Amino acid sequence: MRLKIPLLLFLAGVPFADVVPASAAWSFRSGETLPGEPTAFDFERKTLSFRDPLSDRETVVPTRNLSLRSRQQLLVSPLFHRGERDDPLWTPAKRRLLVSALGIPAGIFFLGFWMTAWFFTGRLNPILALTAFVGSWVVLLIFAVCYTFLELRLGGGIKITLLGIVVATAVTPLFLSAVYNCSYLKALGVLLSHFLAGFCLFSIGLVATDLIAGKKATETWWDRTVFEPVGLIGPDPATPPPAP
């Protein structure tokens, strides 16, 4: 118990100065904040349009000029995925990226689940944690599918969504309490706190990558491995094209 409490405090108190502000505002590589919010992504020109609500002025910015955090935001934004209008199906590069985009967060959130389950139940068995983690997410996904179907059929809007969240949050701890043989409140604590723990671990990983690899190397890796293959940015003009 003496070891678990400092670990929990570390996760809760880790400084996110390089993560949260960057994810809250769009900015240039230089760090200058962009005015307004993005309104459209041009897949052909690789540009992002911003509209300032105060002056109603529109600014068009090449996506290569955006900061790394802003490009990461754009990667998960509907604006980017709606930009490729001529191709309703995802490209092979996007499908390959989807595997990593699902696998890496799943692994991180499993670690967060394992740690919170250890904290609340005192059981460190990884097989037990994996069973509980996968099972709880299967239960959550089943409820998500069911209530999404009800929302589409009944047109209930936000009320149906909120009802689904409440029901899923109330029922899933029953499964966790059965797996861990613990009280309902402890199981509820595991379910709710593992989201926070997963976010903390993910944020720590982003900060640690920048510190260890360096800002330039990190941005270069993202550009060549992720952003260029999926079409979020164009080829680097400083890099000569490959020989035919």
C-alpha atoms as a PDB file:
ATOM      1  CA  MET A   1       0.000   0.000   0.000  1.00  0.00           C
ATOM      2  CA  ARG A   2       2.895   2.379   0.727  1.00  0.00           C
ATOM      3  CA  LEU A   3       4.127   1.934  -2.823  1.00  0.00           C
ATOM      4  CA  LYS A   4       0.730   2.267  -4.482  1.00  0.00           C
ATOM      5  CA  ILE A   5      -0.207   5.633  -2.961  1.00  0.00           C
ATOM      6  CA  PRO A   6       2.919   7.517  -4.201  1.00  0.00           C
ATOM      7  CA  LEU A   7       2.408   5.913  -7.609  1.00  0.00           C
ATOM      8  CA  LEU A   8      -1.176   7.178  -7.765  1.00  0.00           C
ATOM      9  CA  LEU A   9      -0.094  10.661  -6.633  1.00  0.00           C
ATOM     10  CA  PHE A  10       2.599  10.716  -9.322  1.00  0.00           C
ATOM     11  CA  LEU A  11       0.073   9.921 -12.041  1.00  0.00           C
ATOM     12  CA  ALA A  12      -2.367  12.511 -10.736  1.00  0.00           C
ATOM     13  CA  GLY A  13       0.219  15.239 -10.250  1.00  0.00           C
ATOM     14  CA  VAL A  14       2.419  14.869 -13.305  1.00  0.00           C
ATOM     15  CA  PRO A  15       2.774  18.268 -15.031  1.00  0.00           C
ATOM     16  CA  PHE A  16       1.094  18.363 -18.447  1.00  0.00           C
ATOM     17  CA  ALA A  17       2.339  21.804 -19.465  1.00  0.00           C
ATOM     18  CA  ASP A  18       3.483  20.485 -22.829  1.00  0.00           C
ATOM     19  CA  VAL A  19       0.338  18.484 -23.516  1.00  0.00           C
ATOM     20  CA  VAL A  20      -2.850  20.168 -22.353  1.00  0.00           C
ATOM     21  CA  PRO A  21      -2.229  23.736 -23.578  1.00  0.00           C
ATOM     22  CA  ALA A  22      -1.040  22.448 -26.940  1.00  0.00           C
ATOM     23  CA  SER A  23      -4.159  20.339 -27.356  1.00  0.00           C
ATOM     24  CA  ALA A  24      -6.406  23.281 -26.434  1.00  0.00           C
ATOM     25  CA  ALA A  25      -5.192  25.717 -29.105  1.00  0.00           C
ATOM     26  CA  TRP A  26      -4.043  25.535 -32.709  1.00  0.00           C
ATOM     27  CA  SER A  27      -0.588  26.955 -33.350  1.00  0.00           C
ATOM     28  CA  PHE A  28       2.269  27.334 -35.829  1.00  0.00           C
ATOM     29  CA  ARG A  29       5.588  25.500 -35.565  1.00  0.00           C
ATOM     30  CA  SER A  30       6.992  28.713 -34.107  1.00  0.00           C
ATOM     31  CA  GLY A  31       4.507  28.501 -31.230  1.00  0.00           C
ATOM     32  CA  GLU A  32       2.338  31.414 -32.355  1.00  0.00           C
ATOM     33  CA  THR A  33      -1.344  30.730 -31.726  1.00  0.00           C
ATOM     34  CA  LEU A  34      -3.704  30.686 -34.679  1.00  0.00           C
ATOM     35  CA  PRO A  35      -6.827  32.859 -34.462  1.00  0.00           C
ATOM     36  CA  GLY A  36     -10.204  31.179 -34.384  1.00  0.00           C
ATOM     37  CA  GLU A  37     -11.126  27.567 -35.032  1.00  0.00           C
ATOM     38  CA  PRO A  38     -10.508  25.403 -38.122  1.00  0.00           C
ATOM     39  CA  THR A  39     -13.375  25.233 -40.586  1.00  0.00           C
ATOM     40  CA  ALA A  40     -12.153  23.174 -43.558  1.00  0.00           C
ATOM     41  CA  PHE A  41      -9.286  20.936 -44.669  1.00  0.00           C
ATOM     42  CA  ASP A  42      -8.217  20.928 -48.333  1.00  0.00           C
ATOM     43  CA  PHE A  43      -6.939  17.433 -49.102  1.00  0.00           C
ATOM     44  CA  GLU A  44      -5.427  18.439 -52.454  1.00  0.00           C
ATOM     45  CA  ARG A  45      -3.592  21.543 -51.305  1.00  0.00           C
ATOM     46  CA  LYS A  46      -2.859  20.218 -47.781  1.00  0.00           C
ATOM     47  CA  THR A  47      -4.144  23.395 -46.148  1.00  0.00           C
ATOM     48  CA  LEU A  48      -6.341  24.108 -43.129  1.00  0.00           C
ATOM     49  CA  SER A  49      -8.696  27.093 -43.078  1.00  0.00           C
ATOM     50  CA  PHE A  50      -9.317  29.080 -39.892  1.00  0.00           C
ATOM     51  CA  ARG A  51     -12.050  31.658 -39.290  1.00  0.00           C
ATOM     52  CA  ASP A  52     -11.633  34.365 -36.654  1.00  0.00           C
ATOM     53  CA  PRO A  53     -15.050  34.880 -34.959  1.00  0.00           C
ATOM     54  CA  LEU A  54     -14.168  38.472 -34.015  1.00  0.00           C
ATOM     55  CA  SER A  55     -13.002  39.832 -37.377  1.00  0.00           C
ATOM     56  CA  ASP A  56     -14.666  37.128 -39.534  1.00  0.00           C
ATOM     57  CA  ARG A  57     -11.337  36.859 -41.324  1.00  0.00           C
ATOM     58  CA  GLU A  58     -10.318  33.548 -42.872  1.00  0.00           C
ATOM     59  CA  THR A  59      -6.726  32.320 -42.697  1.00  0.00           C
ATOM     60  CA  VAL A  60      -5.464  29.459 -44.859  1.00  0.00           C
ATOM     61  CA  VAL A  61      -2.450  27.651 -43.391  1.00  0.00           C
ATOM     62  CA  PRO A  62      -0.386  24.865 -45.015  1.00  0.00           C
ATOM     63  CA  THR A  63      -0.604  21.905 -42.662  1.00  0.00           C
ATOM     64  CA  ARG A  64       3.189  21.480 -42.748  1.00  0.00           C
ATOM     65  CA  ASN A  65       3.454  24.849 -40.977  1.00  0.00           C
ATOM     66  CA  LEU A  66       1.353  23.688 -38.025  1.00  0.00           C
ATOM     67  CA  SER A  67       2.910  22.622 -34.747  1.00  0.00           C
ATOM     68  CA  LEU A  68       3.235  18.922 -33.983  1.00  0.00           C
ATOM     69  CA  ARG A  69       0.364  18.983 -31.466  1.00  0.00           C
ATOM     70  CA  SER A  70      -1.872  20.791 -33.966  1.00  0.00           C
ATOM     71  CA  ARG A  71      -1.108  18.201 -36.651  1.00  0.00           C
ATOM     72  CA  GLN A  72      -1.914  15.449 -34.146  1.00  0.00           C
ATOM     73  CA  GLN A  73      -5.215  17.196 -33.413  1.00  0.00           C
ATOM     74  CA  LEU A  74      -5.979  17.403 -37.106  1.00  0.00           C
ATOM     75  CA  LEU A  75      -5.195  13.700 -37.524  1.00  0.00           C
ATOM     76  CA  VAL A  76      -8.175  12.765 -35.312  1.00  0.00           C
ATOM     77  CA  SER A  77     -10.391  15.637 -36.452  1.00  0.00           C
ATOM     78  CA  PRO A  78     -13.474  15.003 -38.637  1.00  0.00           C
ATOM     79  CA  LEU A  79     -12.256  17.857 -40.844  1.00  0.00           C
ATOM     80  CA  PHE A  80      -9.332  15.730 -42.030  1.00  0.00           C
ATOM     81  CA  HIS A  81     -11.362  12.584 -42.617  1.00  0.00           C
ATOM     82  CA  ARG A  82     -14.013  14.522 -44.547  1.00  0.00           C
ATOM     83  CA  GLY A  83     -11.376  16.164 -46.720  1.00  0.00           C
ATOM     84  CA  GLU A  84     -10.873  13.175 -49.023  1.00  0.00           C
ATOM     85  CA  ARG A  85     -14.313  13.414 -50.603  1.00  0.00           C
ATOM     86  CA  ASP A  86     -13.511  11.495 -53.801  1.00  0.00           C
ATOM     87  CA  ASP A  87     -12.517   8.331 -51.936  1.00  0.00           C
ATOM     88  CA  PRO A  88     -15.197   7.140 -49.486  1.00  0.00           C
ATOM     89  CA  LEU A  89     -12.995   4.238 -48.421  1.00  0.00           C
ATOM     90  CA  TRP A  90      -9.905   4.706 -46.355  1.00  0.00           C
ATOM     91  CA  THR A  91      -6.596   4.386 -48.142  1.00  0.00           C
ATOM     92  CA  PRO A  92      -4.290   1.459 -47.240  1.00  0.00           C
ATOM     93  CA  ALA A  93      -2.053   3.911 -45.342  1.00  0.00           C
ATOM     94  CA  LYS A  94      -5.003   5.037 -43.230  1.00  0.00           C
ATOM     95  CA  ARG A  95      -6.055   1.447 -42.557  1.00  0.00           C
ATOM     96  CA  ARG A  96      -2.526   0.554 -41.420  1.00  0.00           C
ATOM     97  CA  LEU A  97      -2.505   3.624 -39.208  1.00  0.00           C
ATOM     98  CA  LEU A  98      -5.840   2.565 -37.714  1.00  0.00           C
ATOM     99  CA  VAL A  99      -4.276  -0.650 -36.380  1.00  0.00           C
ATOM    100  CA  SER A 100      -1.598   1.309 -34.525  1.00  0.00           C
ATOM    101  CA  ALA A 101      -4.088   3.998 -33.491  1.00  0.00           C
ATOM    102  CA  LEU A 102      -6.211   1.342 -31.780  1.00  0.00           C
ATOM    103  CA  GLY A 103      -3.463  -0.982 -30.567  1.00  0.00           C
ATOM    104  CA  ILE A 104      -1.206   1.533 -28.835  1.00  0.00           C
ATOM    105  CA  PRO A 105      -3.953   3.285 -26.804  1.00  0.00           C
ATOM    106  CA  ALA A 106      -5.448  -0.116 -25.931  1.00  0.00           C
ATOM    107  CA  GLY A 107      -2.090  -1.223 -24.527  1.00  0.00           C
ATOM    108  CA  ILE A 108      -1.683   2.010 -22.589  1.00  0.00           C
ATOM    109  CA  PHE A 109      -5.185   1.882 -21.142  1.00  0.00           C
ATOM    110  CA  PHE A 110      -4.642  -1.751 -20.172  1.00  0.00           C
ATOM    111  CA  LEU A 111      -1.606  -0.673 -18.135  1.00  0.00           C
ATOM    112  CA  GLY A 112      -3.750   2.011 -16.518  1.00  0.00           C
ATOM    113  CA  PHE A 113      -6.448  -0.573 -15.784  1.00  0.00           C
ATOM    114  CA  TRP A 114      -3.911  -2.987 -14.315  1.00  0.00           C
ATOM    115  CA  MET A 115      -2.526  -0.306 -11.993  1.00  0.00           C
ATOM    116  CA  THR A 116      -5.916   0.930 -10.806  1.00  0.00           C
ATOM    117  CA  ALA A 117      -7.175  -2.622 -10.293  1.00  0.00           C
ATOM    118  CA  TRP A 118      -4.091  -3.323  -8.175  1.00  0.00           C
ATOM    119  CA  PHE A 119      -4.726  -0.149  -6.182  1.00  0.00           C
ATOM    120  CA  PHE A 120      -8.386  -0.860  -5.456  1.00  0.00           C
ATOM    121  CA  THR A 121      -8.362  -4.658  -5.123  1.00  0.00           C
ATOM    122  CA  GLY A 122      -4.773  -5.457  -4.161  1.00  0.00           C
ATOM    123  CA  ARG A 123      -4.539  -8.144  -6.862  1.00  0.00           C
ATOM    124  CA  LEU A 124      -1.639  -7.881  -9.324  1.00  0.00           C
ATOM    125  CA  ASN A 125      -2.389 -10.912 -11.517  1.00  0.00           C
ATOM    126  CA  PRO A 126      -1.918  -9.738 -15.162  1.00  0.00           C
ATOM    127  CA  ILE A 127      -4.122 -12.518 -16.591  1.00  0.00           C
ATOM    128  CA  LEU A 128      -6.938 -11.481 -14.268  1.00  0.00           C
ATOM    129  CA  ALA A 129      -6.417  -7.846 -15.258  1.00  0.00           C
ATOM    130  CA  LEU A 130      -6.452  -8.704 -18.977  1.00  0.00           C
ATOM    131  CA  THR A 131      -9.659 -10.720 -18.595  1.00  0.00           C
ATOM    132  CA  ALA A 132     -11.356  -7.924 -16.667  1.00  0.00           C
ATOM    133  CA  PHE A 133     -10.108  -5.213 -19.035  1.00  0.00           C
ATOM    134  CA  VAL A 134     -11.225  -6.970 -22.234  1.00  0.00           C
ATOM    135  CA  GLY A 135     -14.502  -8.095 -20.713  1.00  0.00           C
ATOM    136  CA  SER A 136     -15.397  -4.664 -19.363  1.00  0.00           C
ATOM    137  CA  TRP A 137     -14.714  -3.011 -22.719  1.00  0.00           C
ATOM    138  CA  VAL A 138     -16.795  -5.659 -24.491  1.00  0.00           C
ATOM    139  CA  VAL A 139     -19.682  -4.851 -22.145  1.00  0.00           C
ATOM    140  CA  LEU A 140     -19.232  -1.120 -22.775  1.00  0.00           C
ATOM    141  CA  LEU A 141     -19.143  -1.635 -26.540  1.00  0.00           C
ATOM    142  CA  ILE A 142     -22.298  -3.770 -26.449  1.00  0.00           C
ATOM    143  CA  PHE A 143     -24.144  -1.005 -24.626  1.00  0.00           C
ATOM    144  CA  ALA A 144     -22.700   1.584 -27.023  1.00  0.00           C
ATOM    145  CA  VAL A 145     -23.991  -0.339 -30.051  1.00  0.00           C
ATOM    146  CA  CYS A 146     -27.411  -0.922 -28.500  1.00  0.00           C
ATOM    147  CA  TYR A 147     -27.982   2.677 -27.470  1.00  0.00           C
ATOM    148  CA  THR A 148     -26.617   3.998 -30.755  1.00  0.00           C
ATOM    149  CA  PHE A 149     -29.205   1.850 -32.523  1.00  0.00           C
ATOM    150  CA  LEU A 150     -31.936   3.177 -30.209  1.00  0.00           C
ATOM    151  CA  GLU A 151     -30.828   6.743 -30.832  1.00  0.00           C
ATOM    152  CA  LEU A 152     -31.011   6.236 -34.583  1.00  0.00           C
ATOM    153  CA  ARG A 153     -34.392   4.500 -34.433  1.00  0.00           C
ATOM    154  CA  LEU A 154     -36.061   6.711 -31.831  1.00  0.00           C
ATOM    155  CA  GLY A 155     -34.301   9.995 -32.545  1.00  0.00           C
ATOM    156  CA  GLY A 156     -33.781  10.566 -28.834  1.00  0.00           C
ATOM    157  CA  GLY A 157     -30.686  12.685 -29.257  1.00  0.00           C
ATOM    158  CA  ILE A 158     -28.538  13.455 -26.223  1.00  0.00           C
ATOM    159  CA  LYS A 159     -31.066  11.936 -23.789  1.00  0.00           C
ATOM    160  CA  ILE A 160     -30.595   8.432 -25.199  1.00  0.00           C
ATOM    161  CA  THR A 161     -26.810   8.891 -25.185  1.00  0.00           C
ATOM    162  CA  LEU A 162     -26.777  10.004 -21.549  1.00  0.00           C
ATOM    163  CA  LEU A 163     -29.058   7.122 -20.576  1.00  0.00           C
ATOM    164  CA  GLY A 164     -26.701   4.685 -22.294  1.00  0.00           C
ATOM    165  CA  ILE A 165     -23.699   6.118 -20.431  1.00  0.00           C
ATOM    166  CA  VAL A 166     -25.491   5.866 -17.087  1.00  0.00           C
ATOM    167  CA  VAL A 167     -26.672   2.291 -17.682  1.00  0.00           C
ATOM    168  CA  ALA A 168     -23.273   1.109 -18.992  1.00  0.00           C
ATOM    169  CA  THR A 169     -21.461   2.735 -16.050  1.00  0.00           C
ATOM    170  CA  ALA A 170     -23.866   1.106 -13.610  1.00  0.00           C
ATOM    171  CA  VAL A 171     -23.824  -2.401 -15.119  1.00  0.00           C
ATOM    172  CA  THR A 172     -20.141  -2.868 -16.076  1.00  0.00           C
ATOM    173  CA  PRO A 173     -18.868  -2.796 -12.436  1.00  0.00           C
ATOM    174  CA  LEU A 174     -21.035  -5.881 -11.788  1.00  0.00           C
ATOM    175  CA  PHE A 175     -18.839  -7.803 -14.225  1.00  0.00           C
ATOM    176  CA  LEU A 176     -15.644  -6.403 -12.689  1.00  0.00           C
ATOM    177  CA  SER A 177     -16.762  -7.193  -9.148  1.00  0.00           C
ATOM    178  CA  ALA A 178     -17.439 -10.785 -10.214  1.00  0.00           C
ATOM    179  CA  VAL A 179     -14.005 -11.153 -11.834  1.00  0.00           C
ATOM    180  CA  TYR A 180     -12.095  -9.608  -8.930  1.00  0.00           C
ATOM    181  CA  ASN A 181     -14.456 -10.872  -6.216  1.00  0.00           C
ATOM    182  CA  CYS A 182     -14.629  -7.387  -4.733  1.00  0.00           C
ATOM    183  CA  SER A 183     -17.326  -4.902  -3.750  1.00  0.00           C
ATOM    184  CA  TYR A 184     -19.350  -2.962  -6.304  1.00  0.00           C
ATOM    185  CA  LEU A 185     -17.821   0.357  -5.203  1.00  0.00           C
ATOM    186  CA  LYS A 186     -14.273  -0.921  -5.689  1.00  0.00           C
ATOM    187  CA  ALA A 187     -15.190  -2.213  -9.140  1.00  0.00           C
ATOM    188  CA  LEU A 188     -16.739   1.154  -9.985  1.00  0.00           C
ATOM    189  CA  GLY A 189     -13.542   2.850  -8.823  1.00  0.00           C
ATOM    190  CA  VAL A 190     -11.478   0.635 -11.132  1.00  0.00           C
ATOM    191  CA  LEU A 191     -13.745   1.368 -14.097  1.00  0.00           C
ATOM    192  CA  LEU A 192     -13.780   5.145 -13.676  1.00  0.00           C
ATOM    193  CA  SER A 193     -10.196   5.715 -12.575  1.00  0.00           C
ATOM    194  CA  HIS A 194      -8.583   3.605 -15.311  1.00  0.00           C
ATOM    195  CA  PHE A 195      -9.643   6.220 -17.859  1.00  0.00           C
ATOM    196  CA  LEU A 196      -7.723   8.881 -15.917  1.00  0.00           C
ATOM    197  CA  ALA A 197      -4.743   6.570 -15.425  1.00  0.00           C
ATOM    198  CA  GLY A 198      -4.653   5.737 -19.138  1.00  0.00           C
ATOM    199  CA  PHE A 199      -4.755   9.405 -20.087  1.00  0.00           C
ATOM    200  CA  CYS A 200      -1.936  10.144 -17.625  1.00  0.00           C
ATOM    201  CA  LEU A 201       0.256   7.363 -19.023  1.00  0.00           C
ATOM    202  CA  PHE A 202      -0.443   8.475 -22.595  1.00  0.00           C
ATOM    203  CA  SER A 203       0.451  12.077 -21.737  1.00  0.00           C
ATOM    204  CA  ILE A 204       3.625  10.979 -19.939  1.00  0.00           C
ATOM    205  CA  GLY A 205       4.616   8.986 -23.016  1.00  0.00           C
ATOM    206  CA  LEU A 206       4.181  12.010 -25.287  1.00  0.00           C
ATOM    207  CA  VAL A 207       6.238  14.245 -23.011  1.00  0.00           C
ATOM    208  CA  ALA A 208       8.931  11.602 -22.494  1.00  0.00           C
ATOM    209  CA  THR A 209       9.247  11.022 -26.244  1.00  0.00           C
ATOM    210  CA  ASP A 210       9.865  14.717 -26.846  1.00  0.00           C
ATOM    211  CA  LEU A 211      12.430  14.880 -24.039  1.00  0.00           C
ATOM    212  CA  ILE A 212      14.349  11.722 -24.958  1.00  0.00           C
ATOM    213  CA  ALA A 213      14.289  11.820 -28.748  1.00  0.00           C
ATOM    214  CA  GLY A 214      14.285  15.595 -29.114  1.00  0.00           C
ATOM    215  CA  LYS A 215      11.717  17.855 -30.702  1.00  0.00           C
ATOM    216  CA  LYS A 216      13.200  17.775 -34.206  1.00  0.00           C
ATOM    217  CA  ALA A 217      13.612  13.995 -34.357  1.00  0.00           C
ATOM    218  CA  THR A 218      10.095  13.477 -32.984  1.00  0.00           C
ATOM    219  CA  GLU A 219       8.527  15.800 -35.559  1.00  0.00           C
ATOM    220  CA  THR A 220      10.507  14.165 -38.378  1.00  0.00           C
ATOM    221  CA  TRP A 221       9.293  10.717 -37.329  1.00  0.00           C
ATOM    222  CA  TRP A 222       5.663  11.851 -37.207  1.00  0.00           C
ATOM    223  CA  ASP A 223       5.984  13.570 -40.601  1.00  0.00           C
ATOM    224  CA  ARG A 224       7.547  10.623 -42.442  1.00  0.00           C
ATOM    225  CA  THR A 225       5.774   7.772 -40.665  1.00  0.00           C
ATOM    226  CA  VAL A 226       2.275   9.153 -40.125  1.00  0.00           C
ATOM    227  CA  PHE A 227       1.391  12.522 -41.636  1.00  0.00           C
ATOM    228  CA  GLU A 228       2.848  12.118 -45.149  1.00  0.00           C
ATOM    229  CA  PRO A 229       1.593   8.532 -45.783  1.00  0.00           C
ATOM    230  CA  VAL A 230      -2.006   9.380 -44.815  1.00  0.00           C
ATOM    231  CA  GLY A 231      -2.007  12.630 -46.819  1.00  0.00           C
ATOM    232  CA  LEU A 232      -2.257  15.100 -43.956  1.00  0.00           C
ATOM    233  CA  ILE A 233       0.825  17.012 -45.165  1.00  0.00           C
ATOM    234  CA  GLY A 234       2.593  17.158 -48.502  1.00  0.00           C
ATOM    235  CA  PRO A 235       6.149  15.944 -49.193  1.00  0.00           C
ATOM    236  CA  ASP A 236       8.915  17.979 -47.614  1.00  0.00           C
ATOM    237  CA  PRO A 237      10.159  20.410 -50.308  1.00  0.00           C
ATOM    238  CA  ALA A 238      13.675  20.142 -48.859  1.00  0.00           C
ATOM    239  CA  THR A 239      13.708  16.378 -49.497  1.00  0.00           C
ATOM    240  CA  PRO A 240      14.394  15.338 -53.130  1.00  0.00           C
ATOM    241  CA  PRO A 241      11.810  12.957 -54.620  1.00  0.00           C
ATOM    242  CA  PRO A 242      12.823   9.292 -54.963  1.00  0.00           C
ATOM    243  CA  ALA A 243      14.442   8.207 -58.223  1.00  0.00           C
ATOM    244  CA  PRO A 244      12.034   6.592 -60.743  1.00  0.00           C
END
